[in-house]
Amino acid sequence: MSKSGSGFGQSAVTKDAAPELPGWRHVYTGKVREVYEGADDASVLLVVASDRVSAFDHILSPAIPGKGAMLTRLTRFWLAKFADGLGIPNHLREPEGWDAELPADIAARSMRVARLNMLQIECVVRGYLTGSGFKEYQQQGTVCGIELPEGLQDGDKLPEPLYTPAFKAEQGEHDENISFERTVELVGTEQAEALRKHSLELFAQASAVAEARGLILADTKLEFGLDPATGELMLADEVLTSDSSRYWDGHVYADTSLPMAERLASFDKQIVRNWLKEHWDGEGVPPELPAHIVEAVQARYAELFERLGV
């Protein structure tokens, strides 16, 4: 999503896909979410997670049944875990009965939230070396410019979690990894330090919860915004979902007799990416996902949901 003062930019997908909802005015369509503002109170937003799935900057067909509701409940699960003791409020604004007029299927994948001035910093925390971080490490011995010990392998646990912020690009563009010093230039010392502090604390608490469930939280992306009236920093957007975080099965990871790809299999849409790499050259419209891929992705999302006890 765009991080303009209003919180959202131009639609990335045709607005015709968004249903009309009583009491809400549609303002934004993203790759996987619809956003509405209160018809009588523009200070509140309704964020509706769809079942759409995207990969390589394309929306794919068909959707993944139940995905939106599961990811919404995952965010609620984590916000409830973080409610006490971490000193960071969140953007949920849901008085009793707030969703009474919404269709049941939309209510299940919706959050009523405060409209914030979103910071254009994506707060990435990495507990393990993998993905783009491992590629950089292989070439330069660093992750986002941070030097690491020699001899690390794909999937290795880092000596300590790394905070590696990124500048949040506009819809359709790629985020840019930035240094902490650049973050200070963008948002000021106080805000930059607060973002780092809260991101590392949230990651530590979430990692402990995941570990108790036999899971590994390898990395995650968090976003924050400011209350327009008070300037208070708040946790916002989706939190520790399968679309914003990399989870591994702890028992599978520990089995060194298995191929590395199997040990590092995440509970997300990587199955889709792998299939597309084998069946699409990246040109034109992506092919339709076969039923067995849709079912496999749905099962993977659901397994994480159940393993965490959501």
Protein backbone atom coordinates (compact mmCIF):
# COMPACT_ATOMS: atom_id res chain seq x y z
CA MET A 1 0.00 0.00 0.00
CA SER A 2 1.06 3.53 -0.57
CA LYS A 3 2.27 5.34 2.50
CA SER A 4 0.92 8.79 1.69
CA GLY A 5 -0.55 11.03 4.36
CA SER A 6 -4.00 9.60 3.83
CA GLY A 7 -2.63 6.09 4.07
CA PHE A 8 -3.46 4.89 0.56
CA GLY A 9 -2.74 5.76 -3.04
CA GLN A 10 -4.31 4.93 -6.38
CA SER A 11 -5.89 1.58 -7.06
CA ALA A 12 -3.60 -1.17 -8.27
CA VAL A 13 -6.56 -3.26 -9.50
CA THR A 14 -9.84 -2.20 -11.02
CA LYS A 15 -12.24 -0.86 -8.41
CA ASP A 16 -15.11 -2.72 -10.04
CA ALA A 17 -14.04 -5.79 -8.05
CA ALA A 18 -14.89 -4.15 -4.72
CA PRO A 19 -18.43 -4.72 -3.37
CA GLU A 20 -20.47 -1.87 -1.94
CA LEU A 21 -20.69 -2.06 1.85
CA PRO A 22 -23.20 -0.19 4.02
CA GLY A 23 -21.54 2.62 5.96
CA TRP A 24 -18.29 2.43 4.00
CA ARG A 25 -16.86 4.14 0.92
CA HIS A 26 -14.35 2.22 -1.23
CA VAL A 27 -11.04 4.10 -1.60
CA TYR A 28 -8.36 1.60 -2.60
CA THR A 29 -7.81 -1.76 -4.26
CA GLY A 30 -4.47 -3.45 -3.77
CA LYS A 31 -3.18 -6.76 -5.00
CA VAL A 32 -4.80 -8.71 -2.19
CA ARG A 33 -6.82 -6.19 -0.16
CA GLU A 34 -9.68 -3.74 -0.48
CA VAL A 35 -9.78 -0.61 1.68
CA TYR A 36 -12.82 1.48 2.59
CA GLU A 37 -13.19 4.65 4.65
CA GLY A 38 -16.09 5.36 6.98
CA ALA A 39 -18.89 7.08 5.06
CA ASP A 40 -19.51 9.34 8.04
CA ASP A 41 -16.05 9.20 9.63
CA ALA A 42 -13.02 9.19 7.34
CA SER A 43 -10.71 8.73 10.34
CA VAL A 44 -11.50 5.00 10.35
CA LEU A 45 -10.82 2.47 7.61
CA LEU A 46 -12.07 -1.02 6.81
CA VAL A 47 -9.29 -3.26 5.53
CA VAL A 48 -10.66 -6.33 3.77
CA ALA A 49 -8.26 -9.17 2.95
CA SER A 50 -9.28 -10.98 -0.22
CA ASP A 51 -8.53 -14.56 -1.22
CA ARG A 52 -6.46 -13.30 -4.15
CA VAL A 53 -2.89 -14.54 -4.44
CA SER A 54 -0.07 -12.64 -6.12
CA ALA A 55 3.42 -13.60 -7.22
CA PHE A 56 6.08 -11.83 -9.26
CA ASP A 57 3.94 -8.65 -9.28
CA HIS A 58 0.95 -10.41 -10.87
CA ILE A 59 -2.44 -11.32 -9.46
CA LEU A 60 -3.05 -14.97 -10.19
CA SER A 61 -6.13 -17.01 -10.88
CA PRO A 62 -7.88 -18.70 -9.22
CA ALA A 63 -7.88 -17.36 -5.66
CA ILE A 64 -6.99 -19.43 -2.58
CA PRO A 65 -10.25 -20.24 -0.72
CA GLY A 66 -10.22 -19.07 2.89
CA LYS A 67 -6.88 -17.24 2.61
CA GLY A 68 -8.23 -13.79 3.51
CA ALA A 69 -10.03 -14.97 6.62
CA MET A 70 -7.03 -16.97 7.83
CA LEU A 71 -4.58 -14.08 7.41
CA THR A 72 -6.97 -11.68 9.13
CA ARG A 73 -7.28 -14.03 12.10
CA LEU A 74 -3.50 -14.44 12.20
CA THR A 75 -3.06 -10.68 12.53
CA ARG A 76 -5.69 -10.56 15.29
CA PHE A 77 -3.98 -13.47 17.04
CA TRP A 78 -0.64 -11.67 17.13
CA LEU A 79 -2.12 -8.30 18.10
CA ALA A 80 -3.76 -10.01 21.06
CA LYS A 81 -0.42 -11.57 22.02
CA PHE A 82 1.22 -8.14 21.90
CA ALA A 83 -1.55 -6.31 23.77
CA ASP A 84 0.31 -6.24 27.09
CA GLY A 85 3.82 -5.37 28.06
CA LEU A 86 5.44 -4.16 24.85
CA GLY A 87 4.48 -0.49 25.02
CA ILE A 88 3.30 -0.19 21.42
CA PRO A 89 -0.40 0.34 20.62
CA ASN A 90 -1.97 -0.90 17.38
CA HIS A 91 -4.45 0.50 14.92
CA LEU A 92 -7.50 -1.72 15.64
CA ARG A 93 -10.61 0.33 16.44
CA GLU A 94 -13.46 -2.12 16.88
CA PRO A 95 -16.29 -1.26 19.28
CA GLU A 96 -18.78 -4.00 20.03
CA GLY A 97 -21.03 -4.71 17.07
CA TRP A 98 -18.91 -2.77 14.60
CA ASP A 99 -19.34 -5.46 11.93
CA ALA A 100 -23.07 -6.11 12.38
CA GLU A 101 -24.02 -4.74 8.95
CA LEU A 102 -21.27 -6.50 7.03
CA PRO A 103 -21.91 -9.76 5.16
CA ALA A 104 -20.54 -12.62 7.27
CA ASP A 105 -17.89 -13.68 4.75
CA ILE A 106 -16.56 -10.10 4.49
CA ALA A 107 -16.64 -9.53 8.25
CA ALA A 108 -14.47 -12.65 8.69
CA ARG A 109 -11.68 -11.07 6.66
CA SER A 110 -12.04 -7.45 7.72
CA MET A 111 -10.42 -5.18 10.30
CA ARG A 112 -11.76 -1.79 11.38
CA VAL A 113 -8.70 0.38 11.97
CA ALA A 114 -7.62 3.93 12.66
CA ARG A 115 -6.43 5.87 9.65
CA LEU A 116 -2.75 6.60 10.25
CA ASN A 117 0.00 8.49 8.54
CA MET A 118 1.96 5.42 7.54
CA LEU A 119 5.73 5.60 7.75
CA GLN A 120 7.49 4.65 4.54
CA ILE A 121 9.81 2.29 6.40
CA GLU A 122 9.31 -1.45 6.14
CA CYS A 123 10.74 -2.87 9.35
CA VAL A 124 12.37 -6.18 8.46
CA VAL A 125 13.80 -8.44 11.15
CA ARG A 126 15.85 -11.51 10.17
CA GLY A 127 16.60 -14.29 12.63
CA TYR A 128 18.01 -16.69 10.05
CA LEU A 129 20.12 -16.32 6.92
CA THR A 130 18.12 -17.19 3.81
CA GLY A 131 16.46 -15.76 0.72
CA SER A 132 17.81 -12.48 -0.65
CA GLY A 133 19.92 -12.07 2.48
CA PHE A 134 21.78 -15.29 1.77
CA LYS A 135 22.36 -14.27 -1.85
CA GLU A 136 23.95 -11.00 -0.71
CA TYR A 137 26.00 -12.84 1.91
CA GLN A 138 27.37 -15.22 -0.73
CA GLN A 139 28.52 -12.29 -2.85
CA GLN A 140 29.68 -9.80 -0.21
CA GLY A 141 29.65 -11.43 3.22
CA THR A 142 26.95 -9.02 4.35
CA VAL A 143 23.17 -8.75 4.74
CA CYS A 144 21.86 -5.30 3.88
CA GLY A 145 25.38 -4.02 4.35
CA ILE A 146 25.82 -5.59 7.81
CA GLU A 147 28.93 -7.76 8.00
CA LEU A 148 28.45 -11.34 9.18
CA PRO A 149 30.88 -14.11 10.24
CA GLU A 150 32.40 -16.24 7.50
CA GLY A 151 31.22 -19.76 6.73
CA LEU A 152 27.46 -19.35 7.21
CA GLN A 153 25.14 -21.52 5.11
CA ASP A 154 21.61 -21.10 3.78
CA GLY A 155 19.19 -21.45 6.69
CA ASP A 156 21.73 -20.85 9.46
CA LYS A 157 20.55 -19.04 12.55
CA LEU A 158 22.16 -15.62 12.82
CA PRO A 159 24.28 -14.74 15.88
CA GLU A 160 21.48 -12.31 16.80
CA PRO A 161 18.40 -11.04 14.95
CA LEU A 162 19.19 -8.33 12.42
CA TYR A 163 17.05 -5.23 11.91
CA THR A 164 17.30 -4.44 8.20
CA PRO A 165 14.84 -1.69 7.23
CA ALA A 166 13.65 -1.01 3.71
CA PHE A 167 12.14 2.02 2.03
CA LYS A 168 8.57 1.11 1.11
CA ALA A 169 8.07 1.63 -2.61
CA GLU A 170 4.85 2.60 -4.33
CA GLN A 171 2.54 -0.17 -5.54
CA GLY A 172 4.18 -2.18 -8.31
CA GLU A 173 7.73 -1.06 -7.51
CA HIS A 174 10.38 -2.89 -5.50
CA ASP A 175 11.28 -1.91 -1.94
CA GLU A 176 14.80 -0.58 -1.39
CA ASN A 177 16.97 -1.87 1.44
CA ILE A 178 18.33 1.06 3.44
CA SER A 179 20.72 1.54 6.36
CA PHE A 180 19.65 2.52 9.83
CA GLU A 181 21.40 5.84 9.24
CA ARG A 182 19.21 6.44 6.19
CA THR A 183 16.16 5.66 8.34
CA VAL A 184 17.27 8.42 10.72
CA GLU A 185 17.42 10.82 7.78
CA LEU A 186 13.91 9.85 6.70
CA VAL A 187 12.03 9.84 10.02
CA GLY A 188 14.40 11.33 12.61
CA THR A 189 16.50 9.73 15.33
CA GLU A 190 13.70 9.22 17.86
CA GLN A 191 11.34 7.50 15.41
CA ALA A 192 14.13 5.43 13.83
CA GLU A 193 15.24 4.12 17.21
CA ALA A 194 11.64 3.40 18.23
CA LEU A 195 11.01 1.43 15.03
CA ARG A 196 14.12 -0.67 15.58
CA LYS A 197 13.38 -1.25 19.27
CA HIS A 198 9.76 -2.28 18.78
CA SER A 199 10.51 -4.44 15.74
CA LEU A 200 13.18 -6.43 17.58
CA GLU A 201 10.99 -6.80 20.68
CA LEU A 202 8.00 -7.97 18.66
CA PHE A 203 10.16 -10.44 16.75
CA ALA A 204 11.62 -11.84 19.98
CA GLN A 205 8.20 -12.39 21.53
CA ALA A 206 6.74 -13.88 18.34
CA SER A 207 9.75 -16.20 17.96
CA ALA A 208 9.20 -17.55 21.46
CA VAL A 209 5.52 -18.20 20.76
CA ALA A 210 6.37 -19.94 17.48
CA GLU A 211 9.11 -22.05 19.07
CA ALA A 212 6.70 -23.29 21.73
CA ARG A 213 4.54 -24.56 18.86
CA GLY A 214 7.40 -26.35 17.10
CA LEU A 215 7.85 -23.57 14.56
CA ILE A 216 10.70 -21.28 13.58
CA LEU A 217 10.06 -17.63 12.71
CA ALA A 218 12.88 -17.00 10.25
CA ASP A 219 12.04 -13.40 9.38
CA THR A 220 9.20 -10.91 9.20
CA LYS A 221 8.18 -7.48 7.94
CA LEU A 222 6.37 -5.01 10.20
CA GLU A 223 4.81 -1.64 9.46
CA PHE A 224 4.01 1.31 11.67
CA GLY A 225 2.12 4.57 11.39
CA LEU A 226 1.51 7.76 13.33
CA ASP A 227 -1.77 8.93 14.82
CA PRO A 228 -2.56 12.10 12.81
CA ALA A 229 -3.81 13.90 15.92
CA THR A 230 -1.24 12.92 18.52
CA GLY A 231 1.77 11.68 16.55
CA GLU A 232 1.74 8.45 18.59
CA LEU A 233 3.54 5.51 16.97
CA MET A 234 1.30 2.50 16.30
CA LEU A 235 1.73 -1.00 14.93
CA ALA A 236 -0.32 -1.29 11.74
CA ASP A 237 -1.21 -3.36 8.69
CA GLU A 238 -0.91 -7.15 8.68
CA VAL A 239 1.20 -8.63 11.47
CA LEU A 240 3.20 -11.87 11.27
CA THR A 241 1.00 -13.45 8.63
CA SER A 242 2.10 -16.04 6.08
CA ASP A 243 2.32 -13.23 3.52
CA SER A 244 4.64 -11.04 5.62
CA SER A 245 6.71 -13.64 7.46
CA ARG A 246 8.73 -16.80 6.83
CA TYR A 247 7.89 -19.72 9.12
CA TRP A 248 9.58 -23.11 9.08
CA ASP A 249 8.69 -26.41 10.73
CA GLY A 250 11.18 -26.72 13.60
CA HIS A 251 11.30 -30.52 13.51
CA VAL A 252 11.83 -30.66 9.75
CA TYR A 253 14.49 -27.94 9.97
CA ALA A 254 16.40 -29.95 12.57
CA ASP A 255 16.53 -33.07 10.36
CA THR A 256 19.85 -32.60 8.56
CA SER A 257 19.31 -35.76 6.51
CA LEU A 258 16.67 -33.95 4.47
CA PRO A 259 17.39 -31.80 1.39
CA MET A 260 17.84 -28.12 2.29
CA ALA A 261 14.82 -27.09 0.20
CA GLU A 262 12.61 -29.38 2.28
CA ARG A 263 14.11 -28.22 5.59
CA LEU A 264 13.42 -24.59 4.67
CA ALA A 265 9.93 -25.08 3.21
CA SER A 266 7.84 -22.15 4.43
CA PHE A 267 4.15 -21.92 5.28
CA ASP A 268 3.28 -19.52 2.49
CA LYS A 269 2.80 -19.23 -1.26
CA GLN A 270 6.29 -20.47 -2.18
CA ILE A 271 4.57 -23.45 -3.77
CA VAL A 272 2.99 -21.01 -6.23
CA ARG A 273 6.30 -19.30 -7.01
CA ASN A 274 7.99 -22.64 -7.60
CA TRP A 275 5.24 -23.81 -9.95
CA LEU A 276 5.31 -20.54 -11.91
CA LYS A 277 9.09 -20.75 -12.35
CA GLU A 278 8.61 -24.16 -13.98
CA HIS A 279 5.58 -23.27 -16.12
CA TRP A 280 5.92 -19.59 -17.05
CA ASP A 281 8.68 -17.56 -18.67
CA GLY A 282 7.63 -14.32 -16.98
CA GLU A 283 6.17 -12.81 -20.17
CA GLY A 284 2.54 -11.84 -20.61
CA VAL A 285 -0.26 -13.15 -18.43
CA PRO A 286 0.67 -15.92 -15.97
CA PRO A 287 -1.05 -19.29 -16.52
CA GLU A 288 -3.98 -20.31 -14.36
CA LEU A 289 -2.98 -22.24 -11.28
CA PRO A 290 -4.00 -25.92 -11.41
CA ALA A 291 -6.32 -27.27 -8.74
CA HIS A 292 -3.62 -29.32 -7.00
CA ILE A 293 -1.45 -26.21 -6.52
CA VAL A 294 -4.37 -24.21 -5.12
CA GLU A 295 -5.17 -27.05 -2.73
CA ALA A 296 -1.54 -27.41 -1.65
CA VAL A 297 -1.20 -23.69 -0.89
CA GLN A 298 -4.50 -23.65 0.98
CA ALA A 299 -3.36 -26.61 3.07
CA ARG A 300 -0.02 -24.93 3.84
CA TYR A 301 -1.72 -21.74 5.05
CA ALA A 302 -4.16 -23.80 7.12
CA GLU A 303 -1.39 -25.89 8.69
CA LEU A 304 0.37 -22.82 10.08
CA PHE A 305 -2.98 -21.48 11.31
CA GLU A 306 -3.59 -24.73 13.20
CA ARG A 307 -0.03 -25.15 14.45
CA LEU A 308 -0.09 -21.72 16.08
CA GLY A 309 -3.42 -22.51 17.73
CA VAL A 310 -5.19 -19.53 16.17
